[in-house]
Protein backbone atom coordinates (compact mmCIF):
# COMPACT_ATOMS: atom_id res chain seq x y z
CA MET A 1 93.18 88.83 78.49
CA THR A 2 96.35 88.25 80.65
CA PRO A 3 99.54 88.23 78.82
CA ALA A 4 101.46 85.00 78.83
CA PRO A 5 104.25 84.96 81.41
CA PRO A 6 107.57 85.27 79.98
CA ARG A 7 108.82 82.07 81.16
CA ASP A 8 106.46 80.66 78.65
CA ASP A 9 108.51 82.22 75.92
CA THR A 10 111.72 81.25 77.07
CA ARG A 11 110.52 77.74 77.39
CA THR A 12 109.35 77.73 73.90
CA LEU A 13 112.61 79.17 72.62
CA ALA A 14 114.36 76.47 74.46
CA THR A 15 112.10 73.44 72.96
CA VAL A 16 112.82 75.08 69.45
CA ALA A 17 116.56 75.17 70.14
CA HIS A 18 116.85 71.48 71.60
CA THR A 19 114.46 70.12 68.48
CA ALA A 20 116.88 71.99 65.99
CA PHE A 21 119.97 70.61 67.86
CA PHE A 22 118.94 67.19 67.49
CA LEU A 23 117.65 67.57 64.05
CA LEU A 24 121.06 68.95 62.78
CA LEU A 25 123.05 66.24 64.73
CA GLY A 26 120.97 63.60 63.15
CA ALA A 27 121.61 65.13 59.66
CA SER A 28 125.50 65.61 60.15
CA VAL A 29 125.74 62.11 61.39
CA ALA A 30 123.56 60.76 58.16
CA ARG A 31 125.82 62.96 55.88
CA PHE A 32 128.97 61.76 57.26
CA LEU A 33 127.90 58.11 57.09
CA LEU A 34 126.87 58.87 53.39
CA ARG A 35 129.92 60.63 52.36
CA HIS A 36 132.73 58.62 54.39
CA PRO A 37 131.58 55.10 54.70
CA GLY A 38 133.97 52.67 56.32
CA GLU A 39 136.72 55.10 57.54
CA PRO A 40 138.79 54.48 60.57
CA ARG A 41 137.32 57.72 62.26
CA THR A 42 133.70 56.55 61.86
CA PRO A 43 133.37 54.80 65.41
CA TRP A 44 134.56 57.84 66.99
CA VAL A 45 132.34 60.07 64.95
CA ILE A 46 129.26 58.02 66.18
CA ALA A 47 130.55 57.56 69.77
CA LEU A 48 131.07 61.28 69.91
CA SER A 49 127.77 62.06 68.48
CA VAL A 50 125.90 59.66 70.92
CA THR A 51 128.01 61.39 73.73
CA LEU A 52 127.10 64.78 72.52
CA ALA A 53 123.34 63.74 72.36
CA LEU A 54 123.21 62.24 76.07
CA LEU A 55 125.07 65.44 77.23
CA TYR A 56 122.61 67.56 75.60
CA VAL A 57 119.71 65.75 77.16
CA LEU A 58 121.06 66.57 80.50
CA GLY A 59 120.92 70.18 80.11
CA PRO A 60 117.08 70.41 80.80
CA VAL A 61 117.76 68.30 84.04
CA LEU A 62 120.58 70.86 85.38
CA GLY A 63 118.07 73.74 84.77
CA ALA A 64 119.04 77.20 83.22
CA ALA A 65 120.66 78.96 86.40
CA PRO A 66 124.47 79.28 85.72
CA THR A 67 125.67 76.87 88.64
CA ARG A 68 128.86 75.22 88.60
CA ARG A 69 127.21 71.87 87.38
CA ARG A 70 125.56 73.84 84.59
CA LEU A 71 128.63 75.45 83.58
CA LEU A 72 130.74 72.12 83.89
CA TRP A 73 128.02 70.69 81.44
CA LEU A 74 128.24 73.46 78.88
CA GLY A 75 132.10 73.14 79.06
CA LEU A 76 131.78 69.26 78.15
CA VAL A 77 129.11 69.72 75.44
CA VAL A 78 131.40 72.62 73.89
CA THR A 79 134.39 70.21 73.95
CA THR A 80 132.69 67.29 72.70
CA TRP A 81 131.23 69.16 69.84
CA VAL A 82 134.64 70.83 69.00
CA VAL A 83 136.34 67.49 68.85
CA LEU A 84 133.69 66.08 66.82
CA VAL A 85 134.09 69.01 64.46
CA VAL A 86 137.72 68.47 64.08
CA LEU A 87 137.16 64.67 62.96
CA ALA A 88 134.17 65.70 60.76
CA PRO A 89 133.70 69.50 60.01
CA SER A 90 130.10 69.25 58.67
CA PHE A 91 129.10 68.99 62.26
CA ALA A 92 129.70 72.50 62.66
CA TRP A 93 126.05 73.71 61.85
CA CYS A 94 125.28 72.10 65.31
CA ALA A 95 126.70 75.43 66.66
CA VAL A 96 123.56 77.28 66.06
CA PRO A 97 121.60 75.61 68.88
CA LEU A 98 124.49 75.97 70.97
CA PHE A 99 124.33 79.70 70.70
CA PHE A 100 121.17 79.74 72.20
CA THR A 101 122.49 77.23 75.03
CA SER A 102 125.42 79.59 75.64
CA LEU A 103 123.25 82.72 75.81
CA ARG A 104 120.92 81.02 78.31
CA THR A 105 123.52 79.72 80.60
CA LEU A 106 126.43 82.30 80.82
CA PRO A 107 126.11 86.06 81.75
CA PRO A 108 125.77 88.27 78.63
CA ARG A 109 129.49 89.38 78.07
CA ALA A 110 130.79 85.79 78.45
CA ALA A 111 128.07 84.22 76.30
CA ILE A 112 128.78 86.71 73.51
CA VAL A 113 132.61 85.84 73.77
CA LEU A 114 131.93 82.20 73.57
CA VAL A 115 129.57 82.67 70.44
CA ALA A 116 132.25 84.56 68.82
CA LEU A 117 134.69 81.79 69.40
CA LEU A 118 132.35 79.06 68.37
CA THR A 119 131.34 81.18 65.01
CA ALA A 120 135.23 81.65 64.45
CA PHE A 121 135.64 77.85 64.90
CA VAL A 122 132.71 77.16 62.55
CA VAL A 123 133.96 79.60 59.82
CA THR A 124 137.56 77.56 59.92
CA ALA A 125 135.86 74.26 59.77
CA GLN A 126 133.55 75.24 56.75
CA MET A 127 136.64 76.52 54.98
CA GLN A 128 138.24 73.14 55.47
CA LEU A 129 135.50 71.63 53.68
CA SER A 130 135.76 74.02 50.75
CA LYS A 131 138.04 73.27 47.99
CA SER A 132 138.11 76.89 47.02
CA PHE A 133 137.56 80.17 48.61
CA ASP A 134 133.77 80.76 49.42
CA PRO A 135 132.53 84.20 50.50
CA ASN A 136 129.25 82.51 51.78
CA LEU A 137 131.41 80.20 54.15
CA LEU A 138 133.15 83.23 55.42
CA LEU A 139 130.25 85.39 55.94
CA ALA A 140 127.35 83.13 56.68
CA PRO A 141 128.37 81.93 60.14
CA PRO A 142 128.84 85.15 61.43
CA ALA A 143 125.39 86.50 59.96
CA VAL A 144 123.61 83.50 61.57
CA ALA A 145 125.36 84.01 64.93
CA ALA A 146 124.69 87.73 65.12
CA LEU A 147 120.99 86.93 64.02
CA ALA A 148 120.67 84.41 66.82
CA THR A 149 122.31 86.65 69.43
CA ALA A 150 120.10 89.45 68.38
CA VAL A 151 117.07 87.59 68.53
CA PHE A 152 118.01 85.93 72.06
CA VAL A 153 119.01 89.55 73.48
CA HIS A 154 115.70 91.15 72.34
CA MET A 155 113.77 88.40 73.81
CA GLU A 156 115.43 88.49 77.17
CA ARG A 157 114.98 92.19 77.37
CA GLN A 158 111.38 91.86 76.43
CA ALA A 159 111.20 89.05 79.09
CA ARG A 160 112.76 91.35 81.70
CA ALA A 161 110.23 94.28 80.94
CA GLN A 162 107.05 91.78 81.09
CA ARG A 163 108.67 90.58 84.55
CA ALA A 164 109.06 94.23 85.64
CA LEU A 165 105.62 95.08 84.43
CA ILE A 166 103.85 92.00 86.20
CA ASP A 167 105.91 92.88 89.51
CA ASP A 168 104.39 96.35 89.15
CA LEU A 169 101.13 95.34 88.58
CA ILE A 170 101.14 93.10 91.54
CA ARG A 171 102.48 95.61 93.79
CA THR A 172 99.94 98.08 92.53
CA ARG A 173 97.16 95.36 93.07
CA ARG A 174 98.26 94.95 96.65
CA GLU A 175 98.46 98.52 97.11
CA LEU A 176 94.97 98.89 95.84
CA ALA A 177 93.73 96.06 98.21
CA ALA A 178 95.46 97.79 101.13
CA THR A 179 93.92 101.10 100.27
CA GLU A 180 90.32 99.51 100.08
CA ARG A 181 90.91 97.66 103.26
CA ARG A 182 91.63 100.89 104.91
CA GLU A 183 88.76 102.58 103.28
CA GLY A 184 86.44 99.76 104.39
CA THR A 185 87.93 100.16 107.81
CA LEU A 186 87.23 103.81 107.93
CA ALA A 187 83.75 103.49 106.49
CA GLU A 188 83.01 100.64 109.13
CA ARG A 189 84.33 102.93 111.85
CA GLN A 190 82.05 105.71 110.55
CA ARG A 191 79.02 103.40 110.44
CA LEU A 192 79.60 102.12 114.13
CA SER A 193 79.94 105.84 115.32
CA MET A 194 76.64 106.61 113.72
CA GLU A 195 74.89 103.52 115.32
CA ILE A 196 76.26 104.29 118.54
CA HIS A 197 75.20 107.81 118.41
CA ASP A 198 71.74 106.99 117.22
CA THR A 199 71.10 104.02 119.64
CA LEU A 200 73.47 103.95 122.60
CA ALA A 201 74.10 107.56 123.21
CA GLN A 202 70.47 108.53 122.55
CA ASN A 203 69.19 105.69 124.94
CA LEU A 204 71.70 106.98 127.87
CA SER A 205 70.18 110.58 127.17
CA SER A 206 66.81 109.49 127.58
CA GLN A 207 67.63 107.72 130.85
CA GLN A 208 69.58 110.64 132.14
CA MET A 209 66.51 112.88 131.44
CA LEU A 210 64.23 110.36 133.05
CA LEU A 211 66.13 109.64 136.20
CA GLN A 212 66.80 113.61 136.63
CA ALA A 213 62.83 113.93 136.40
CA ALA A 214 62.32 111.14 138.77
CA ASP A 215 64.91 112.67 141.17
CA ARG A 216 63.16 115.98 141.08
CA THR A 217 60.05 114.40 142.16
CA TRP A 218 60.81 111.89 144.32
CA ASP A 219 59.83 113.48 147.28
CA THR A 220 56.57 115.34 145.98
CA ASP A 221 55.23 112.97 143.48
CA PRO A 222 56.47 109.15 144.08
CA ALA A 223 54.16 107.71 141.77
CA THR A 224 55.37 109.88 138.65
CA ALA A 225 59.05 109.40 139.96
CA ARG A 226 58.50 105.57 139.79
CA ALA A 227 57.07 105.83 136.52
CA HIS A 228 60.25 107.76 135.27
CA VAL A 229 62.34 105.04 136.79
CA ARG A 230 60.42 102.34 135.08
CA THR A 231 60.52 103.87 131.64
CA ALA A 232 64.07 104.45 132.20
CA THR A 233 64.55 100.57 132.85
CA GLY A 234 62.84 100.02 129.86
CA ILE A 235 64.94 102.13 127.73
CA ALA A 236 68.02 100.57 129.44
CA ALA A 237 66.82 97.08 128.51
CA HIS A 238 66.33 98.23 125.00
CA GLY A 239 69.66 99.79 124.87
CA LEU A 240 71.38 96.49 125.99
CA ALA A 241 69.56 94.48 123.36
CA GLU A 242 70.68 97.16 120.78
CA ALA A 243 74.05 96.88 121.97
CA ARG A 244 74.29 92.95 121.63
CA ARG A 245 72.82 93.16 118.02
CA LEU A 246 75.43 96.23 117.24
CA VAL A 247 78.26 93.86 118.35
CA HIS A 248 76.95 91.10 116.04
CA ASP A 249 76.51 93.62 113.46
CA LEU A 250 72.76 92.60 113.19
CA ALA A 251 69.74 94.80 111.93
CA PRO A 252 68.28 97.07 114.36
CA SER A 253 66.49 95.28 117.20
CA GLU A 254 63.19 97.10 116.04
CA LEU A 255 63.53 95.27 112.73
CA ALA A 256 64.37 91.89 114.19
CA ASP A 257 61.99 88.89 113.78
CA GLY A 258 60.57 90.25 110.46
CA ALA A 259 59.17 93.67 111.86
CA GLY A 260 58.76 96.04 109.08
CA LEU A 261 59.97 99.54 108.81
CA ALA A 262 56.36 100.97 109.43
CA ASP A 263 55.83 99.04 112.58
CA ALA A 264 59.06 100.14 114.09
CA LEU A 265 58.46 103.55 113.10
CA ARG A 266 55.08 103.51 114.66
CA ALA A 267 56.56 102.23 117.91
CA LEU A 268 59.08 105.14 118.48
CA ASP A 269 58.80 107.38 121.29
CA ALA A 270 60.36 110.90 121.84
CA GLY A 271 60.14 110.87 125.51
CA PRO A 272 57.71 112.17 128.08
CA GLY A 273 55.66 115.10 127.20
CA ILE A 274 55.76 114.50 123.31
CA GLU A 275 53.24 112.76 121.38
CA VAL A 276 54.28 110.99 118.46
CA ARG A 277 52.05 110.25 115.48
CA PHE A 278 52.90 108.19 112.57
CA HIS A 279 51.30 108.20 108.97
CA LEU A 280 51.84 105.79 106.31
CA GLU A 281 51.18 107.16 102.63
CA GLY A 282 51.12 104.94 99.25
CA ALA A 283 51.33 101.38 98.98
CA PRO A 284 54.21 99.69 100.94
CA THR A 285 56.83 97.76 99.05
CA PRO A 286 59.56 95.60 100.39
CA LEU A 287 62.70 97.72 101.21
CA PRO A 288 66.42 96.44 101.22
CA ASP A 289 67.56 95.83 104.70
CA ARG A 290 70.03 98.71 104.56
CA VAL A 291 67.42 101.35 103.54
CA GLN A 292 65.12 100.30 106.64
CA SER A 293 68.04 100.43 109.03
CA ALA A 294 68.93 104.01 107.75
CA LEU A 295 65.53 105.30 107.73
CA LEU A 296 64.82 103.89 111.34
CA ARG A 297 68.06 105.40 112.33
CA ILE A 298 67.41 108.67 110.95
CA ALA A 299 63.88 108.74 112.76
CA GLN A 300 65.36 107.87 116.01
CA GLY A 301 68.17 110.66 115.60
CA ALA A 302 65.71 113.04 114.57
CA LEU A 303 63.43 112.35 117.51
CA ALA A 304 66.17 112.83 119.94
CA ASN A 305 66.81 116.15 118.41
CA VAL A 306 63.04 117.04 118.84
CA ARG A 307 63.30 115.77 122.60
CA GLU A 308 66.43 117.98 123.37
CA HIS A 309 66.41 120.89 121.20
CA SER A 310 62.88 121.87 119.92
CA GLY A 311 60.61 122.17 122.93
CA ALA A 312 57.94 120.55 120.66
CA ARG A 313 54.82 118.80 121.98
CA THR A 314 53.92 116.72 119.01
CA ALA A 315 56.02 115.05 116.16
CA ALA A 316 54.76 113.56 113.19
CA LEU A 317 56.38 110.72 111.20
CA THR A 318 55.22 110.29 107.55
CA LEU A 319 56.64 107.23 105.50
CA SER A 320 55.67 107.69 101.80
CA PHE A 321 56.30 105.14 99.04
CA LEU A 322 56.23 107.28 95.82
CA GLY A 323 57.17 104.29 93.48
CA ASP A 324 60.79 105.26 92.50
CA GLN A 325 61.73 106.60 95.90
CA VAL A 326 60.75 106.31 99.62
CA VAL A 327 60.58 109.43 101.69
CA LEU A 328 60.49 109.78 105.47
CA ASP A 329 59.33 113.23 106.86
CA ILE A 330 59.74 114.02 110.65
CA ALA A 331 57.78 117.13 111.39
CA ASP A 332 57.48 118.99 114.97
CA ASP A 333 55.59 122.03 116.30
CA GLY A 334 58.79 123.26 118.37
CA HIS A 335 60.36 126.76 118.16
CA GLY A 336 62.49 126.04 115.07
CA PHE A 337 65.86 127.41 114.39
CA THR A 338 67.66 129.43 111.82
CA GLU A 339 71.10 127.49 111.94
CA PRO A 340 71.32 123.86 112.63
CA ARG A 341 72.14 123.33 116.12
CA THR A 342 74.78 121.00 117.46
CA ASP A 343 73.91 118.04 119.78
CA ALA A 344 73.75 118.29 123.53
CA ASP A 345 77.23 116.96 123.84
CA GLY A 346 78.53 119.64 121.56
CA ARG A 347 80.12 117.71 118.81
CA GLY A 348 77.01 117.65 116.29
CA HIS A 349 76.97 114.26 115.25
CA GLY A 350 73.05 113.92 114.58
CA LEU A 351 72.70 115.77 111.39
CA PRO A 352 76.14 114.88 110.02
CA ALA A 353 75.16 111.14 110.47
CA MET A 354 71.74 111.43 108.95
CA ARG A 355 73.25 113.22 105.99
CA ALA A 356 76.01 110.44 105.71
CA ARG A 357 73.60 107.71 105.85
CA VAL A 358 71.22 109.17 103.21
CA ARG A 359 74.27 109.91 100.91
CA GLN A 360 75.64 106.47 101.13
CA LEU A 361 72.19 105.18 99.55
CA GLY A 362 72.21 107.97 96.89
CA GLY A 363 69.41 109.99 98.46
CA THR A 364 69.08 113.49 99.85
CA LEU A 365 68.08 115.07 103.05
CA THR A 366 66.37 118.36 103.38
CA ILE A 367 65.68 120.71 106.56
CA GLU A 368 63.18 123.33 106.58
CA SER A 369 62.92 125.21 109.98
CA THR A 370 61.27 128.68 110.66
CA PRO A 371 61.50 130.14 114.29
CA GLY A 372 58.48 129.65 116.12
CA GLU A 373 56.93 127.40 113.56
CA GLY A 374 58.62 123.94 114.09
CA THR A 375 61.01 121.98 111.76
CA VAL A 376 60.46 119.50 108.98
CA LEU A 377 63.08 116.94 108.16
CA SER A 378 62.83 114.88 104.86
CA ALA A 379 64.97 111.90 103.99
CA ALA A 380 64.48 110.74 100.12
CA ILE A 381 66.02 107.47 99.19
CA PRO A 382 65.79 106.36 95.66
CA LEU A 383 64.79 102.73 95.04
CA GLU A 384 65.64 100.45 92.19
CA PRO A 385 62.86 99.66 89.61
CA ALA A 386 61.16 96.33 90.16
CA PRO A 387 62.25 93.53 87.55
């Protein structure tokens, strides 16, 4: 539960002080009229009581900030009350709410000095009412003043501590939000870099290989060269569609229009001279879009590595639904390797990008390769249990 703002506590204390002031003022007026009926000073006491009440009502309108108008108001209230106490010492107990008013209006040191002066004046007024020396009249007002001051100072310190705590929480929340935005930006940049590598870069690489092959055979085998050019044109069109969808942050074009992952994998091509076979095992279940997109990108990246590095003639894609997980295996009959190779550009984005995709989905990526016997890449992603 969120703690109540410090202003609520201050407002409650002010309401209690205002209520107490008017109750004490009314009781003092009633006491004076009962004890001193028909005296010449009665009209003055009643007029000053009404004036003091009206002045006190203006206090909340002026606010609690120590402005000039607020200080002038406090001076008028105290002066009116002092004159009233001189005429009728029984009004001295109205000083208790004035203690809180002074503490709320003045700086701490000035407020304590004023409270001390008011307390001394109350003691003097009470001693005038007593016919003999009474220790309670001498000690009670300072005790009440000290208690009121201590309570107010303690609440003010708590209010300042709460305000500081709230400010720290707000600042921490802003810093956390800024950190989350930075992390989100970095994650989005990584995702986009993987998308570009697995789509646009691979398409451009395929086009380059096809155009180079067409250039070599243009004079000796024009038909084959034209076929390479047509294939490169198709890949360029596919890359253009992929770039447009990437800009709009949509799903891969192979998965557009409701196409399933199996159909998209079945349509993949590793380039000229490499036969790609697809196998589906298990009963297909609906997959989240991000899982389908990740597996498709992994397959595209793996086939790009097969084309560029393995020297393979065939590649097999196997999509297996195993109940609690989905597994994609990409196997080739190439020359294999003992250490993971980098991509053709020398920066090695392929395998790290695949590992990052699988890791984001809580899965695992394993690679098994033996020189001369090909390579098997396996991506396993857990699935949430069906409700």
